[in-house]
Protein backbone atom coordinates (compact mmCIF):
# COMPACT_ATOMS: atom_id res chain seq x y z
CA UNK A 1 140.56 96.54 101.80
CA UNK A 2 141.79 98.87 99.09
CA UNK A 3 139.55 101.88 98.54
CA UNK A 4 138.88 101.91 94.82
CA UNK A 5 136.47 104.81 95.28
CA UNK A 6 139.36 106.98 96.54
CA UNK A 7 141.09 106.90 93.14
CA UNK A 8 140.74 109.88 90.76
CA UNK A 9 138.87 109.53 87.47
CA UNK A 10 139.69 111.40 84.29
CA UNK A 11 136.75 112.08 81.98
CA UNK A 12 136.65 112.42 78.21
CA UNK A 13 136.53 116.21 78.42
CA UNK A 14 139.90 116.17 80.18
CA UNK A 15 138.70 117.10 83.67
CA UNK A 16 139.50 114.85 86.63
CA UNK A 17 137.23 113.90 89.52
CA UNK A 18 139.30 113.68 92.70
CA UNK A 19 137.54 110.48 93.79
CA UNK A 20 134.76 108.10 92.72
CA UNK A 21 132.04 109.22 95.16
CA UNK A 22 129.33 111.54 93.83
CA UNK A 23 126.36 113.20 95.43
CA UNK A 24 123.58 112.18 93.07
CA UNK A 25 120.71 114.49 92.25
CA UNK A 26 118.10 115.17 94.93
CA UNK A 27 115.08 117.39 94.37
CA UNK A 28 115.76 120.03 97.01
CA UNK A 29 112.66 122.17 96.40
CA UNK A 30 114.48 125.26 97.69
CA UNK A 31 113.87 127.68 94.84
CA UNK A 32 111.90 130.87 95.41
CA UNK A 33 108.67 131.99 93.72
CA UNK A 34 110.65 133.27 90.74
CA UNK A 35 112.45 129.90 90.40
CA UNK A 36 115.73 131.42 91.60
CA UNK A 37 118.19 129.87 94.08
CA UNK A 38 117.62 130.83 97.69
CA UNK A 39 120.11 131.42 100.48
CA UNK A 40 118.96 128.13 102.03
CA UNK A 41 119.90 126.26 98.85
CA UNK A 42 123.28 127.98 98.79
CA UNK A 43 123.82 127.10 102.45
CA UNK A 44 122.89 123.47 101.75
CA UNK A 45 125.48 123.17 98.97
CA UNK A 46 128.16 124.84 101.03
CA UNK A 47 127.63 122.05 103.57
CA UNK A 48 127.84 119.37 100.87
CA UNK A 49 130.92 121.06 99.39
CA UNK A 50 132.77 119.92 102.49
CA UNK A 51 131.40 116.38 102.27
CA UNK A 52 134.46 114.89 100.58
CA UNK A 53 132.58 113.86 97.43
CA UNK A 54 134.45 114.38 94.17
CA UNK A 55 131.27 115.39 92.30
CA UNK A 56 128.07 117.15 93.35
CA UNK A 57 125.07 116.97 91.01
CA UNK A 58 122.27 119.43 91.73
CA UNK A 59 118.58 118.65 91.90
CA UNK A 60 116.18 119.34 89.04
CA UNK A 61 116.84 122.62 87.25
CA UNK A 62 114.07 123.17 84.71
CA UNK A 63 114.78 124.68 81.32
CA UNK A 64 111.31 126.30 81.09
CA UNK A 65 109.76 128.18 84.02
CA UNK A 66 106.32 127.54 82.47
CA UNK A 67 106.86 123.80 83.01
CA UNK A 68 107.79 122.94 86.59
CA UNK A 69 107.91 119.42 87.96
CA UNK A 70 107.97 120.10 91.70
CA UNK A 71 107.35 122.96 94.09
CA UNK A 72 110.54 124.93 94.62
CA UNK A 73 112.18 124.03 91.30
CA UNK A 74 114.98 126.26 90.02
CA UNK A 75 114.56 127.28 86.37
CA UNK A 76 117.22 128.63 84.02
CA UNK A 77 116.11 130.31 80.80
CA UNK A 78 118.44 133.32 80.65
CA UNK A 79 120.76 135.48 82.75
CA UNK A 80 118.11 137.01 85.04
CA UNK A 81 119.42 135.17 88.14
CA UNK A 82 123.13 135.14 87.31
CA UNK A 83 124.16 136.62 90.66
CA UNK A 84 122.38 133.96 92.71
CA UNK A 85 123.48 131.20 90.34
CA UNK A 86 127.06 132.37 90.78
CA UNK A 87 126.71 132.27 94.58
CA UNK A 88 125.27 128.76 94.34
CA UNK A 89 128.11 127.59 92.10
CA UNK A 90 130.74 129.16 94.36
CA UNK A 91 129.25 127.42 97.40
CA UNK A 92 129.07 124.05 95.62
CA UNK A 93 132.68 124.18 94.40
CA UNK A 94 134.17 125.75 97.55
CA UNK A 95 135.51 122.40 98.76
CA UNK A 96 137.23 121.53 95.49
CA UNK A 97 134.57 119.19 94.10
CA UNK A 98 133.11 119.40 90.62
CA UNK A 99 129.53 120.68 90.63
CA UNK A 100 127.18 119.89 87.74
CA UNK A 101 123.70 121.30 87.19
CA UNK A 102 121.07 118.70 86.35
CA UNK A 103 118.92 120.03 83.49
CA UNK A 104 115.39 118.78 83.04
CA UNK A 105 111.91 119.30 81.58
CA UNK A 106 108.96 117.57 83.27
CA UNK A 107 106.86 116.99 80.18
CA UNK A 108 103.59 115.41 81.25
CA UNK A 109 104.78 115.23 84.91
CA UNK A 110 103.87 118.88 85.49
CA UNK A 111 101.34 119.40 88.32
CA UNK A 112 98.47 121.75 87.48
CA UNK A 113 98.97 123.53 90.80
CA UNK A 114 102.38 124.76 89.65
CA UNK A 115 101.72 125.43 85.97
CA UNK A 116 99.14 127.48 84.12
CA UNK A 117 99.58 125.85 80.72
CA UNK A 118 98.60 122.29 79.91
CA UNK A 119 101.57 119.89 80.09
CA UNK A 120 103.33 118.78 76.93
CA UNK A 121 104.64 115.36 75.95
CA UNK A 122 105.65 113.34 72.90
CA UNK A 123 102.06 112.01 72.74
CA UNK A 124 98.83 112.79 74.62
CA UNK A 125 99.26 109.96 77.16
CA UNK A 126 98.21 110.92 80.69
CA UNK A 127 100.06 109.97 83.86
CA UNK A 128 98.29 107.31 85.89
CA UNK A 129 98.04 106.76 89.63
CA UNK A 130 98.13 109.30 92.46
CA UNK A 131 100.58 111.57 90.63
CA UNK A 132 98.31 111.61 87.58
CA UNK A 133 95.57 113.19 89.68
CA UNK A 134 97.77 116.28 90.13
CA UNK A 135 97.97 117.18 86.46
CA UNK A 136 96.02 117.52 83.25
CA UNK A 137 96.29 115.23 80.24
CA UNK A 138 99.22 116.42 78.11
CA UNK A 139 99.11 117.59 74.52
CA UNK A 140 101.55 116.36 71.90
CA UNK A 141 104.49 118.61 71.06
CA UNK A 142 104.84 119.93 67.52
CA UNK A 143 108.09 119.52 65.62
CA UNK A 144 109.06 123.22 66.04
CA UNK A 145 108.31 123.02 69.76
CA UNK A 146 110.61 120.01 70.11
CA UNK A 147 113.40 121.93 68.40
CA UNK A 148 112.76 124.90 70.70
CA UNK A 149 113.07 122.74 73.83
CA UNK A 150 116.35 121.30 72.57
CA UNK A 151 117.62 124.87 72.34
CA UNK A 152 116.46 125.56 75.89
CA UNK A 153 118.69 122.79 77.23
CA UNK A 154 121.69 124.30 75.43
CA UNK A 155 120.92 127.81 76.68
CA UNK A 156 120.47 126.66 80.27
CA UNK A 157 123.76 124.76 80.10
CA UNK A 158 125.58 127.85 78.87
CA UNK A 159 124.15 130.05 81.62
CA UNK A 160 124.97 127.49 84.33
CA UNK A 161 128.57 127.02 83.24
CA UNK A 162 129.09 130.77 82.82
CA UNK A 163 127.88 131.14 86.43
CA UNK A 164 130.62 128.79 87.64
CA UNK A 165 129.24 125.27 87.55
CA UNK A 166 131.82 122.89 86.12
CA UNK A 167 129.48 120.76 84.01
CA UNK A 168 125.91 119.63 83.41
CA UNK A 169 123.90 116.46 83.65
CA UNK A 170 120.94 115.90 81.30
CA UNK A 171 118.06 114.15 83.10
CA UNK A 172 116.73 111.42 80.81
CA UNK A 173 115.21 109.21 83.53
CA UNK A 174 112.30 108.94 85.99
CA UNK A 175 109.52 109.61 83.51
CA UNK A 176 110.38 113.24 82.73
CA UNK A 177 110.18 114.57 79.17
CA UNK A 178 113.30 112.96 77.69
CA UNK A 179 112.35 109.67 79.31
CA UNK A 180 108.87 110.07 77.81
CA UNK A 181 110.41 110.31 74.34
CA UNK A 182 112.47 107.17 74.98
CA UNK A 183 109.53 105.04 76.15
CA UNK A 184 107.21 103.38 73.60
CA UNK A 185 104.47 103.60 76.23
CA UNK A 186 104.48 107.40 76.20
CA UNK A 187 105.93 108.06 72.74
CA UNK A 188 103.40 106.94 70.16
CA UNK A 189 104.52 109.32 67.41
CA UNK A 190 104.93 108.24 63.81
CA UNK A 191 107.32 111.00 62.74
CA UNK A 192 111.11 111.28 63.10
CA UNK A 193 110.77 111.55 66.89
CA UNK A 194 108.91 108.27 67.42
CA UNK A 195 108.55 104.66 66.39
CA UNK A 196 111.91 102.89 66.32
CA UNK A 197 114.39 103.02 69.18
CA UNK A 198 116.61 105.17 66.97
CA UNK A 199 113.82 107.69 66.43
CA UNK A 200 112.74 107.70 70.09
CA UNK A 201 116.31 108.41 71.22
CA UNK A 202 116.69 111.25 68.71
CA UNK A 203 115.41 113.90 71.17
CA UNK A 204 118.05 112.97 73.75
CA UNK A 205 120.84 112.71 71.19
CA UNK A 206 119.98 116.11 69.72
CA UNK A 207 119.97 117.67 73.19
CA UNK A 208 123.43 116.20 73.88
CA UNK A 209 124.69 117.57 70.56
CA UNK A 210 123.20 121.02 71.17
CA UNK A 211 124.69 121.21 74.67
CA UNK A 212 128.08 120.04 73.41
CA UNK A 213 128.02 122.63 70.62
CA UNK A 214 127.27 125.32 73.21
CA UNK A 215 129.84 124.25 75.83
CA UNK A 216 132.67 122.95 73.65
CA UNK A 217 134.76 119.79 74.16
CA UNK A 218 136.31 120.57 77.55
CA UNK A 219 133.20 120.93 79.75
CA UNK A 220 131.85 117.59 81.02
CA UNK A 221 128.37 116.46 80.04
CA UNK A 222 126.63 113.66 81.89
CA UNK A 223 123.34 111.89 81.26
CA UNK A 224 121.03 110.18 83.76
CA UNK A 225 119.24 107.26 82.12
CA UNK A 226 116.73 104.62 83.17
CA UNK A 227 117.88 101.03 83.04
CA UNK A 228 114.20 100.33 82.33
CA UNK A 229 110.81 101.89 83.05
CA UNK A 230 109.58 98.82 84.98
CA UNK A 231 106.21 99.12 83.23
CA UNK A 232 104.55 96.81 80.75
CA UNK A 233 105.09 98.39 77.34
CA UNK A 234 107.76 100.78 78.59
CA UNK A 235 111.44 101.01 77.67
CA UNK A 236 113.22 97.70 78.27
CA UNK A 237 116.80 97.05 79.37
CA UNK A 238 117.70 95.97 75.83
CA UNK A 239 116.38 99.24 74.41
CA UNK A 240 118.13 101.20 77.11
CA UNK A 241 121.41 99.51 76.21
CA UNK A 242 121.02 100.69 72.61
CA UNK A 243 120.56 104.24 73.91
CA UNK A 244 123.73 103.87 75.99
CA UNK A 245 125.72 102.87 72.90
CA UNK A 246 124.38 105.93 71.06
CA UNK A 247 125.42 108.17 73.96
CA UNK A 248 128.88 106.60 73.95
CA UNK A 249 129.15 107.52 70.28
CA UNK A 250 128.33 111.12 71.20
CA UNK A 251 131.26 111.20 73.63
CA UNK A 252 129.45 112.07 76.84
CA UNK A 253 131.59 112.07 79.97
CA UNK A 254 129.53 110.10 82.49
CA UNK A 255 126.38 107.98 82.36
CA UNK A 256 124.36 107.67 85.57
CA UNK A 257 122.12 104.61 85.76
CA UNK A 258 118.78 104.73 87.55
CA UNK A 259 115.33 103.34 86.85
CA UNK A 260 111.56 103.71 87.01
CA UNK A 261 109.27 106.74 87.01
CA UNK A 262 106.48 108.20 89.14
CA UNK A 263 104.11 105.43 88.02
CA UNK A 264 106.63 102.68 88.81
CA UNK A 265 108.88 104.11 91.49
CA UNK A 266 112.03 101.98 91.35
CA UNK A 267 114.16 105.07 92.01
CA UNK A 268 112.39 106.06 95.22
CA UNK A 269 114.32 103.71 97.43
CA UNK A 270 114.39 100.56 99.46
CA UNK A 271 110.69 100.63 100.32
CA UNK A 272 109.97 99.94 96.64
CA UNK A 273 112.69 97.34 96.13
CA UNK A 274 112.50 93.58 96.58
CA UNK A 275 114.02 92.19 99.78
CA UNK A 276 116.74 90.40 97.81
CA UNK A 277 117.66 93.68 96.09
CA UNK A 278 117.80 95.56 99.39
CA UNK A 279 120.03 92.84 100.85
CA UNK A 280 122.64 93.21 98.12
CA UNK A 281 122.25 97.00 98.15
CA UNK A 282 122.94 98.30 94.63
CA UNK A 283 119.60 98.21 92.82
CA UNK A 284 120.91 98.69 89.28
CA UNK A 285 124.26 96.92 89.44
CA UNK A 286 123.14 93.95 87.34
CA UNK A 287 122.16 96.30 84.55
CA UNK A 288 125.43 98.19 84.87
CA UNK A 289 127.30 94.94 84.31
CA UNK A 290 125.21 94.30 81.20
CA UNK A 291 125.94 97.79 79.90
CA UNK A 292 129.65 97.39 80.59
CA UNK A 293 129.71 94.19 78.54
CA UNK A 294 127.89 95.89 75.65
CA UNK A 295 130.26 98.87 75.72
CA UNK A 296 133.29 96.58 75.77
CA UNK A 297 131.93 94.56 72.85
CA UNK A 298 131.44 97.79 70.91
CA UNK A 299 134.93 99.03 71.75
CA UNK A 300 133.46 102.02 73.59
CA UNK A 301 134.74 103.63 76.79
CA UNK A 302 132.04 105.36 78.83
CA UNK A 303 132.37 105.80 82.61
CA UNK A 304 129.32 104.57 84.52
CA UNK A 305 127.88 106.06 87.68
CA UNK A 306 125.58 103.70 89.55
CA UNK A 307 123.14 105.18 92.05
CA UNK A 308 120.58 103.53 94.30
CA UNK A 309 120.93 101.47 97.45
CA UNK A 310 124.65 101.69 98.22
CA UNK A 311 125.27 101.73 101.96
CA UNK A 312 128.49 99.81 102.76
CA UNK A 313 132.04 100.62 101.74
CA UNK A 314 132.83 97.03 100.74
CA UNK A 315 129.95 96.90 98.22
CA UNK A 316 130.97 100.27 96.77
CA UNK A 317 134.58 99.16 96.53
CA UNK A 318 133.69 95.85 94.86
CA UNK A 319 131.41 97.54 92.33
CA UNK A 320 134.35 99.60 91.09
CA UNK A 321 136.95 96.86 91.40
CA UNK A 322 134.75 94.46 89.40
CA UNK A 323 134.30 97.02 86.63
CA UNK A 324 130.53 97.45 86.96
CA UNK A 325 130.79 101.06 88.13
CA UNK A 326 133.32 103.87 87.84
CA UNK A 327 131.51 106.25 90.19
CA UNK A 328 129.29 105.50 93.18
CA UNK A 329 126.26 107.77 93.46
CA UNK A 330 124.94 108.54 96.94
CA UNK A 331 121.74 110.50 97.44
CA UNK A 332 119.68 110.01 100.57
CA UNK A 333 122.63 108.89 102.72
CA UNK A 334 124.14 112.37 102.23
CA UNK A 335 120.98 113.95 103.60
CA UNK A 336 121.32 112.07 106.87
CA UNK A 337 125.12 112.18 106.93
CA UNK A 338 126.30 115.21 104.94
CA UNK A 339 129.98 114.31 105.56
CA UNK A 340 129.60 110.62 104.67
CA UNK A 341 131.98 110.60 101.65
CA UNK A 342 134.89 111.85 103.75
CA UNK A 343 134.13 109.26 106.42
CA UNK A 344 134.22 106.54 103.76
CA UNK A 345 137.48 107.88 102.38
CA UNK A 346 138.86 107.85 105.93
CA UNK A 347 137.96 104.18 106.36
CA UNK A 348 134.38 104.06 107.66
CA UNK A 349 132.60 100.79 106.87
CA UNK A 350 129.39 102.35 105.60
CA UNK A 351 126.49 104.72 105.96
CA UNK A 352 124.24 105.01 108.95
CA UNK A 353 121.17 102.76 108.63
CA UNK A 354 117.96 104.75 108.81
CA UNK A 355 114.44 103.33 108.71
CA UNK A 356 111.82 105.95 107.90
CA UNK A 357 108.65 105.38 109.90
CA UNK A 358 105.64 104.32 107.82
CA UNK A 359 102.68 106.68 107.50
CA UNK A 360 100.22 103.79 106.96
CA UNK A 361 98.51 105.37 103.96
CA UNK A 362 98.88 102.87 101.13
CA UNK A 363 99.00 105.17 98.12
CA UNK A 364 101.20 107.76 99.83
CA UNK A 365 103.84 105.54 101.42
CA UNK A 366 106.50 106.21 98.79
CA UNK A 367 105.67 109.92 98.71
CA UNK A 368 105.78 109.96 102.51
CA UNK A 369 109.37 108.82 102.38
CA UNK A 370 110.21 111.49 99.81
CA UNK A 371 108.51 114.05 102.02
CA UNK A 372 110.53 112.94 105.05
CA UNK A 373 113.81 113.40 103.19
CA UNK A 374 112.57 116.74 101.89
CA UNK A 375 112.14 117.92 105.46
CA UNK A 376 115.71 116.85 106.27
CA UNK A 377 116.98 118.85 103.27
CA UNK A 378 115.21 121.92 104.58
CA UNK A 379 116.81 121.43 107.97
CA UNK A 380 120.24 121.40 106.33
CA UNK A 381 119.32 124.48 104.31
CA UNK A 382 118.37 126.22 107.54
CA UNK A 383 121.79 125.47 108.99
CA UNK A 384 120.49 122.67 111.24
CA UNK A 385 121.52 119.04 111.49
CA UNK A 386 119.25 116.25 110.22
CA UNK A 387 116.63 114.76 112.56
CA UNK A 388 116.47 111.02 111.74
CA UNK A 389 113.80 110.39 114.42
CA UNK A 390 111.26 112.80 112.96
CA UNK A 391 107.95 111.15 112.01
CA UNK A 392 106.80 111.88 108.42
CA UNK A 393 103.19 112.45 109.54
CA UNK A 394 104.32 115.70 111.17
CA UNK A 395 104.64 117.24 107.73
CA UNK A 396 102.08 115.36 105.64
CA UNK A 397 99.46 118.18 105.45
CA UNK A 398 102.09 120.75 104.43
CA UNK A 399 103.54 118.38 101.84
CA UNK A 400 100.16 117.65 100.27
CA UNK A 401 99.43 121.38 100.16
CA UNK A 402 102.78 122.07 98.48
CA UNK A 403 101.83 119.61 95.73
CA UNK A 404 98.37 121.10 95.29
CA UNK A 405 96.50 118.15 96.79
CA UNK A 406 95.12 120.19 99.69
CA UNK A 407 94.35 123.77 98.69
CA UNK A 408 96.77 126.22 97.12
CA UNK A 409 100.44 125.24 96.72
CA UNK A 410 102.69 126.25 99.59
CA UNK A 411 105.78 128.12 98.41
CA UNK A 412 107.79 128.30 101.65
CA UNK A 413 108.33 124.58 102.15
CA UNK A 414 107.89 122.59 105.34
CA UNK A 415 108.48 123.51 108.93
CA UNK A 416 111.66 121.89 110.23
């Protein structure tokens, strides 16, 4: 079998990824109380720097410290943490990989336990379900506030790249603020930021333009986009494809395809996927093929990164060989096997299969799995190896506390 994922990839900005395997974004939750990188986060990325991946994409970095999405978020507003950001970037690039900071704003997905101000959103539409219980109903952003947030993305990008990161990824998926603007379910505005697909995508397009103007043509910019929201009344695959074509026109370097949000958790993993989808691994590959066809028909060339469910080398190889994907995104497998990309490049047949034990609490099953992986991240940050046999119930009380569901938020993370 030829290893398509071992081939280099040149991006529109002129930079070259050494191979087609990327560590996709994972919410590490290893920032300190001032939203700065910690030594544990730096240690974690130094480990991943030796993984063999050609690209590392960081977890959520918020552009406004008054609007945090998860406990332990990093926030970049200015140069106050330049020294620690530089150490983080040096660790992440120490193995020769590109390292991009993922920039984000939570919008209405901002737990009250972590934020003093009421959350903001395109429209005052509250989050439903268990996650909704953690936050207040959002208020609608004003036009000047929208413009100010666009500027925050550009500023954060500049600070990150000046610190040594080689590019940025704009998070427009999973129900965060940009995704909220894209979805007709959460964007009910009747001004230039809402209504038609063109108006709803304006916020994302203007962020891309502002970041490009700040960074220039030779620093790569990626976008993470939902294939669909998987909710009645949410953004559909057809609408998402129109957004992709608009991003291609803007000349972004790499589009990562994901899906869902915290109300419909398609991105959380195999426990939320249909059996047939788990069997064929790549959750969003069908959509990637649809996007590729649309890009080809439009005469556009935009590399696609597909993340979600990949476990075997043959499926990864075929996804690239068939033209559906240019880059394979691996997230959770790199928590359990931090050196997995190099093993794949050396001829391994796939990732280790891990089944997370169920916690038997219906509404917390998906979050229990997230919690379990969060504990493994903290082990890596502490210089330890993962513990695949650890039961998620061992950390459930601490996790719920960290999210504000049991008392005051816990800032120091979980025991490992």
